[in-house]
N, C-alpha and C. Protein backbone atom coordinates (compact mmCIF):
# COMPACT_ATOMS: atom_id res chain seq x y z
N UNK A 1 6.16 12.48 -8.99
CA UNK A 1 7.07 11.90 -8.18
C UNK A 1 8.83 11.45 -8.38
N UNK A 2 9.03 11.94 -9.00
CA UNK A 2 10.47 11.75 -9.62
C UNK A 2 11.21 12.37 -8.97
N UNK A 3 12.38 11.49 -8.85
CA UNK A 3 13.37 11.94 -7.73
C UNK A 3 13.01 11.39 -6.43
N UNK A 4 12.20 11.08 -5.99
CA UNK A 4 11.61 10.84 -4.75
C UNK A 4 12.57 8.98 -4.54
N UNK A 5 12.86 8.49 -3.37
CA UNK A 5 13.41 7.76 -3.13
C UNK A 5 12.03 6.41 -3.16
N UNK A 6 12.71 5.22 -3.53
CA UNK A 6 11.54 4.38 -3.64
C UNK A 6 10.40 4.05 -1.90
N UNK A 7 11.21 4.04 -1.23
CA UNK A 7 10.63 4.26 -0.12
C UNK A 7 9.72 5.69 0.25
N UNK A 8 10.28 6.47 0.19
CA UNK A 8 9.05 7.68 0.00
C UNK A 8 7.69 7.80 -0.84
N UNK A 9 7.93 6.73 -2.22
CA UNK A 9 7.06 6.77 -2.62
C UNK A 9 6.08 5.81 -2.47
N UNK A 10 6.23 4.54 -1.57
CA UNK A 10 5.35 3.85 -0.93
C UNK A 10 5.14 4.45 0.11
N UNK A 11 5.75 5.44 0.88
CA UNK A 11 5.05 6.14 2.03
C UNK A 11 3.88 7.04 1.65
N UNK A 12 4.17 7.58 0.36
CA UNK A 12 2.70 8.19 -0.26
C UNK A 12 1.96 7.85 -0.47
N UNK A 13 2.09 6.10 -1.11
CA UNK A 13 0.75 5.28 -1.12
C UNK A 13 0.36 5.41 0.48
N UNK A 14 0.56 4.76 1.36
CA UNK A 14 0.29 4.85 2.58
C UNK A 14 -0.75 6.32 3.23
N UNK A 15 -0.01 7.20 2.95
CA UNK A 15 -0.55 8.53 2.87
C UNK A 15 -1.53 8.70 2.59
N UNK A 16 -1.93 8.19 0.66
CA UNK A 16 -2.79 8.41 0.46
C UNK A 16 -4.21 7.48 1.04
N UNK A 17 -4.11 6.53 1.52
CA UNK A 17 -5.00 5.83 2.58
C UNK A 17 -5.52 6.62 3.71
N UNK A 18 -4.44 7.37 4.14
CA UNK A 18 -4.60 8.19 5.70
C UNK A 18 -5.62 9.59 5.12
N UNK A 19 -5.02 9.90 4.07
CA UNK A 19 -5.98 10.91 3.67
C UNK A 19 -7.21 10.62 3.12
N UNK A 20 -7.48 9.61 2.36
CA UNK A 20 -8.42 9.49 0.88
C UNK A 20 -8.11 10.16 -0.39
N UNK A 21 -6.77 10.36 -0.27
CA UNK A 21 -6.45 11.42 -1.29
C UNK A 21 -6.37 10.33 -2.41
N UNK A 22 -7.12 9.86 -3.52
CA UNK A 22 -7.16 8.87 -4.60
C UNK A 22 -6.63 9.60 -5.72
N UNK A 23 -6.29 11.02 -6.01
CA UNK A 23 -5.45 11.59 -6.99
C UNK A 23 -3.88 11.06 -6.36
N UNK A 24 -3.47 11.09 -5.11
CA UNK A 24 -2.12 10.58 -4.96
C UNK A 24 -1.62 9.37 -5.11
N UNK A 25 -2.84 8.44 -4.80
CA UNK A 25 -2.82 6.97 -5.04
C UNK A 25 -2.34 6.58 -6.37
N UNK A 26 -3.10 7.10 -7.30
CA UNK A 26 -3.42 6.97 -8.99
C UNK A 26 -1.66 7.68 -9.33
N UNK A 27 -1.13 8.52 -8.47
CA UNK A 27 0.16 9.07 -9.07
C UNK A 27 1.43 8.44 -8.56
N UNK A 28 0.93 7.48 -7.85
CA UNK A 28 2.16 6.30 -7.38
C UNK A 28 2.24 5.17 -8.22
N UNK A 29 0.90 4.90 -8.69
CA UNK A 29 1.00 3.05 -9.06
C UNK A 29 1.03 3.48 -10.61
N UNK A 30 1.46 2.47 -10.91
CA UNK A 30 1.85 2.16 -12.62
C UNK A 30 0.66 2.12 -13.35
N UNK A 31 0.43 2.43 -14.58
CA UNK A 31 -0.62 2.05 -15.85
C UNK A 31 -1.00 0.39 -15.71
N UNK A 32 0.04 -0.23 -15.26
CA UNK A 32 -0.13 -1.94 -15.57
C UNK A 32 0.07 -2.45 -14.20
N UNK A 33 -0.33 -1.93 -13.05
CA UNK A 33 -0.21 -2.42 -11.70
C UNK A 33 -0.75 -3.48 -11.43
N UNK A 34 -0.52 -4.83 -10.73
CA UNK A 34 -0.74 -5.64 -9.96
C UNK A 34 -0.88 -5.69 -8.81
N UNK A 35 -1.81 -5.97 -8.06
CA UNK A 35 -2.02 -6.23 -6.62
C UNK A 35 -2.28 -7.95 -6.55
N UNK A 36 -1.96 -8.41 -5.08
CA UNK A 36 -1.58 -9.85 -5.04
C UNK A 36 -1.91 -9.78 -3.73
N UNK A 37 -2.85 -10.60 -3.08
CA UNK A 37 -2.95 -11.06 -1.59
C UNK A 37 -3.73 -12.37 -1.57
N UNK A 38 -4.29 -13.22 -0.50
CA UNK A 38 -4.97 -14.35 -0.62
C UNK A 38 -6.21 -14.42 -1.39
N UNK A 39 -7.31 -13.41 -1.29
CA UNK A 39 -8.02 -13.38 -2.14
C UNK A 39 -8.27 -12.28 -3.24
N UNK A 40 -7.36 -11.95 -3.53
CA UNK A 40 -6.74 -11.10 -5.04
C UNK A 40 -5.43 -11.64 -5.49
N UNK A 41 -5.64 -12.91 -6.01
CA UNK A 41 -4.73 -13.26 -6.21
C UNK A 41 -3.86 -12.63 -7.63
N UNK A 42 -3.40 -11.35 -7.82
CA UNK A 42 -2.95 -10.86 -9.30
C UNK A 42 -4.19 -10.23 -9.73
N UNK A 43 -4.88 -8.95 -9.00
CA UNK A 43 -5.93 -8.34 -9.89
C UNK A 43 -5.11 -7.04 -10.71
N UNK A 44 -5.86 -6.31 -11.39
CA UNK A 44 -5.18 -5.49 -12.37
C UNK A 44 -5.63 -4.13 -11.09
N UNK A 45 -5.07 -3.10 -11.79
CA UNK A 45 -5.38 -1.44 -11.39
C UNK A 45 -6.62 -1.40 -11.53
N UNK A 46 -7.65 -1.55 -12.35
CA UNK A 46 -8.95 -1.16 -11.91
C UNK A 46 -9.75 -1.94 -11.02
N UNK A 47 -9.54 -3.22 -10.88
CA UNK A 47 -10.29 -4.01 -10.00
C UNK A 47 -9.50 -3.62 -8.36
N UNK A 48 -8.27 -3.25 -8.26
CA UNK A 48 -7.77 -2.49 -7.43
C UNK A 48 -8.22 -1.83 -6.84
N UNK A 49 -8.65 -0.44 -7.76
CA UNK A 49 -9.71 0.42 -7.21
C UNK A 49 -10.92 0.21 -6.43
N UNK A 50 -11.21 -0.76 -7.20
CA UNK A 50 -12.88 -1.49 -6.79
C UNK A 50 -13.23 -1.78 -5.87
N UNK A 51 -12.22 -2.88 -5.46
CA UNK A 51 -11.91 -3.63 -4.79
C UNK A 51 -11.01 -3.39 -3.51
N UNK A 52 -10.25 -2.82 -3.59
CA UNK A 52 -9.17 -2.22 -2.68
C UNK A 52 -9.63 -0.65 -1.85
N UNK A 53 -9.45 -0.07 -2.92
CA UNK A 53 -9.18 1.32 -2.48
C UNK A 53 -10.50 1.71 -1.67
N UNK A 54 -11.89 1.62 -1.73
CA UNK A 54 -12.61 1.57 -0.63
C UNK A 54 -12.30 1.85 0.98
N UNK A 55 -10.98 0.77 1.10
CA UNK A 55 -10.68 0.77 2.48
C UNK A 55 -10.02 1.98 2.59
N UNK A 56 -9.56 2.86 2.28
CA UNK A 56 -9.16 4.40 2.67
C UNK A 56 -10.15 4.69 3.22
N UNK A 57 -11.35 4.61 3.30
CA UNK A 57 -12.51 5.30 4.09
C UNK A 57 -12.49 4.63 5.57
N UNK A 58 -11.64 3.66 5.93
CA UNK A 58 -11.72 3.16 7.07
C UNK A 58 -10.35 2.96 7.83
N UNK A 59 -9.31 3.50 7.50
CA UNK A 59 -8.29 3.70 7.99
C UNK A 59 -7.89 4.98 8.29
N UNK A 60 -7.58 4.81 9.65
CA UNK A 60 -6.84 6.19 10.51
C UNK A 60 -5.62 6.55 10.09
N UNK A 61 -4.85 5.30 10.22
CA UNK A 61 -3.41 6.16 10.52
C UNK A 61 -2.89 4.39 10.37
N UNK A 62 -1.39 4.56 9.92
CA UNK A 62 -0.30 3.77 9.79
C UNK A 62 1.02 3.63 10.67
N UNK A 63 1.26 2.84 11.37
CA UNK A 63 2.42 3.28 12.02
C UNK A 63 3.62 2.20 11.67
N UNK A 64 4.78 2.34 11.01
CA UNK A 64 6.01 1.48 10.43
C UNK A 64 6.65 0.89 11.40
N UNK A 65 6.30 -0.41 11.23
CA UNK A 65 7.48 -1.50 12.18
C UNK A 65 8.80 -1.25 11.69
N UNK A 66 8.45 -1.94 10.45
CA UNK A 66 9.55 -2.00 9.07
C UNK A 66 9.75 -1.21 7.74
N UNK A 67 10.30 -0.35 7.47
CA UNK A 67 10.57 -0.53 5.91
C UNK A 67 11.82 -0.84 5.43
N UNK A 68 12.02 -1.35 4.64
CA UNK A 68 13.43 -2.16 3.76
C UNK A 68 13.14 -1.76 2.49
N UNK A 69 14.22 -0.97 2.08
CA UNK A 69 14.37 -1.08 0.92
C UNK A 69 15.37 -1.80 0.34
N UNK A 70 15.19 -2.60 -1.19
CA UNK A 70 16.29 -3.36 -1.45
C UNK A 70 16.16 -3.91 -2.77
N UNK A 71 17.28 -3.24 -3.92
CA UNK A 71 16.69 -3.22 -5.37
C UNK A 71 15.81 -2.67 -5.45
N UNK A 72 14.58 -3.49 -6.49
CA UNK A 72 13.45 -2.58 -6.59
C UNK A 72 12.15 -2.90 -5.98
N UNK A 73 12.57 -3.14 -5.24
CA UNK A 73 11.41 -3.45 -3.98
C UNK A 73 11.49 -3.04 -2.30
N UNK A 74 10.36 -2.43 -1.60
CA UNK A 74 10.24 -2.21 -0.48
C UNK A 74 9.49 -2.83 0.25
N UNK A 75 9.92 -3.76 1.55
CA UNK A 75 9.15 -4.39 2.25
C UNK A 75 9.07 -3.43 3.38
N UNK A 76 7.52 -3.37 3.70
CA UNK A 76 6.79 -2.66 4.63
C UNK A 76 6.01 -3.72 5.45
N UNK A 77 6.11 -3.22 6.86
CA UNK A 77 5.61 -4.40 7.86
C UNK A 77 4.75 -2.77 8.55
N UNK A 78 3.39 -2.72 8.82
CA UNK A 78 2.93 -1.89 9.83
C UNK A 78 2.20 -2.41 10.55
N UNK A 79 1.65 -1.42 11.40
CA UNK A 79 0.39 -1.71 12.13
C UNK A 79 -0.79 -0.30 12.04
N UNK A 80 -1.43 -0.66 11.62
CA UNK A 80 -3.04 0.01 10.86
C UNK A 80 -4.07 0.59 11.97
N UNK A 81 -4.57 1.63 12.18
CA UNK A 81 -5.58 1.51 13.04
C UNK A 81 -7.13 2.07 12.35
N UNK A 82 -8.05 1.80 12.20
CA UNK A 82 -9.05 2.06 11.71
C UNK A 82 -9.96 2.82 12.46
N UNK A 83 -10.75 3.56 11.95
CA UNK A 83 -11.72 4.69 12.62
C UNK A 83 -12.48 3.92 14.30
N UNK A 84 -12.47 2.72 13.92
CA UNK A 84 -13.45 2.27 14.48
C UNK A 84 -12.63 1.49 16.03
N UNK A 85 -11.54 2.09 15.84
CA UNK A 85 -10.48 1.84 17.02
C UNK A 85 -9.57 0.44 17.06
N UNK A 86 -9.99 -0.32 16.14
CA UNK A 86 -9.25 -1.78 16.16
C UNK A 86 -8.13 -1.55 15.56
N UNK A 87 -7.23 -2.45 15.52
CA UNK A 87 -5.86 -2.20 15.22
C UNK A 87 -5.59 -3.74 14.25
N UNK A 88 -4.58 -3.78 13.40
CA UNK A 88 -4.26 -4.82 12.81
C UNK A 88 -2.90 -4.72 12.28
N UNK A 89 -2.28 -5.66 11.73
CA UNK A 89 -0.61 -5.48 11.49
C UNK A 89 -0.60 -6.60 9.71
N UNK A 90 0.10 -5.81 9.37
CA UNK A 90 0.11 -6.22 7.66
C UNK A 90 1.71 -6.11 7.42
N UNK A 91 2.35 -7.48 6.24
CA UNK A 91 3.41 -7.01 5.60
C UNK A 91 3.15 -7.17 3.92
N UNK A 92 3.34 -5.54 3.46
CA UNK A 92 3.56 -5.20 1.96
C UNK A 92 4.45 -5.84 1.29
N UNK A 93 4.74 -5.98 0.25
CA UNK A 93 5.57 -6.22 -0.44
C UNK A 93 5.84 -5.57 -1.79
N UNK A 94 6.32 -4.46 -2.11
CA UNK A 94 6.34 -3.60 -3.12
C UNK A 94 7.48 -3.41 -4.21
N UNK A 95 7.04 -3.63 -5.27
CA UNK A 95 8.02 -3.65 -6.46
C UNK A 95 8.13 -2.35 -7.25
N UNK A 96 9.10 -1.49 -7.66
CA UNK A 96 8.84 -0.38 -8.20
C UNK A 96 9.65 -0.12 -9.31
N UNK A 97 9.35 0.48 -10.50
CA UNK A 97 10.26 0.67 -11.28
C UNK A 97 9.93 2.43 -12.39
N UNK A 98 10.82 2.89 -12.41
CA UNK A 98 10.68 4.23 -13.16
C UNK A 98 9.88 5.43 -12.37
N UNK A 99 9.98 4.95 -10.82
CA UNK A 99 9.24 5.92 -10.12
C UNK A 99 7.66 5.57 -9.50
N UNK A 100 7.41 4.67 -10.04
CA UNK A 100 6.03 4.22 -9.87
C UNK A 100 5.76 2.48 -9.32
N UNK A 101 5.17 2.53 -8.51
CA UNK A 101 4.97 0.90 -7.51
C UNK A 101 4.06 0.36 -8.82
N UNK A 102 4.95 -1.00 -9.18
CA UNK A 102 4.45 -1.88 -10.37
C UNK A 102 3.33 -2.74 -9.76
N UNK A 103 3.32 -3.33 -8.52
CA UNK A 103 3.08 -4.46 -7.97
C UNK A 103 3.48 -4.30 -6.69
N UNK A 104 1.96 -5.27 -5.88
CA UNK A 104 1.85 -5.29 -4.44
C UNK A 104 1.85 -6.80 -3.95
N UNK A 105 2.40 -7.25 -3.13
CA UNK A 105 1.99 -8.10 -2.34
C UNK A 105 1.63 -8.15 -0.41
N UNK A 106 0.38 -8.66 -0.42
CA UNK A 106 0.17 -8.39 0.91
C UNK A 106 -0.11 -9.40 1.30
N UNK A 107 0.73 -9.81 2.85
CA UNK A 107 0.34 -10.91 3.64
C UNK A 107 -0.26 -10.34 5.47
N UNK A 108 -1.56 -10.74 5.45
CA UNK A 108 -2.19 -9.89 6.08
C UNK A 108 -3.01 -11.29 7.54
N UNK A 109 -3.56 -10.86 8.42
CA UNK A 109 -3.85 -11.56 9.45
C UNK A 109 -3.79 -11.63 10.90
N UNK A 110 -3.11 -10.45 10.89
CA UNK A 110 -2.52 -10.41 12.62
C UNK A 110 -3.43 -8.98 13.00
N UNK A 111 -4.59 -9.35 13.65
CA UNK A 111 -5.43 -8.78 14.46
C UNK A 111 -4.92 -7.89 15.93
N UNK A 112 -4.80 -7.03 16.38
CA UNK A 112 -4.14 -6.43 17.47
C UNK A 112 -5.06 -6.09 18.45
N UNK A 113 -4.57 -5.67 19.92
CA UNK A 113 -5.48 -5.61 20.37
C UNK A 113 -5.45 -3.91 20.65
């Protein structure tokens, strides 16, 4: 991933979910990666793969509403479609350094029709 913009690194993380490519998601996450969401306030990389990665098998696609790169962060708001046809909207804040995602904060709760 060296030389990729921070936004492209974040796009790669979403692409990994769309394709179920665990190797790709592992390549963009730092070894000391942390994940934050209301039910998971500060879990480590191992817990992330245990608790969050299984969702890759449920998500069909992502459509970005916004991707904003500022400093060492990328803010992504997206609408995701599940394989069952339901959709939702989330916003995530990614912090990056050295070409890897160090942490992700997820803000969620919007189901779409």
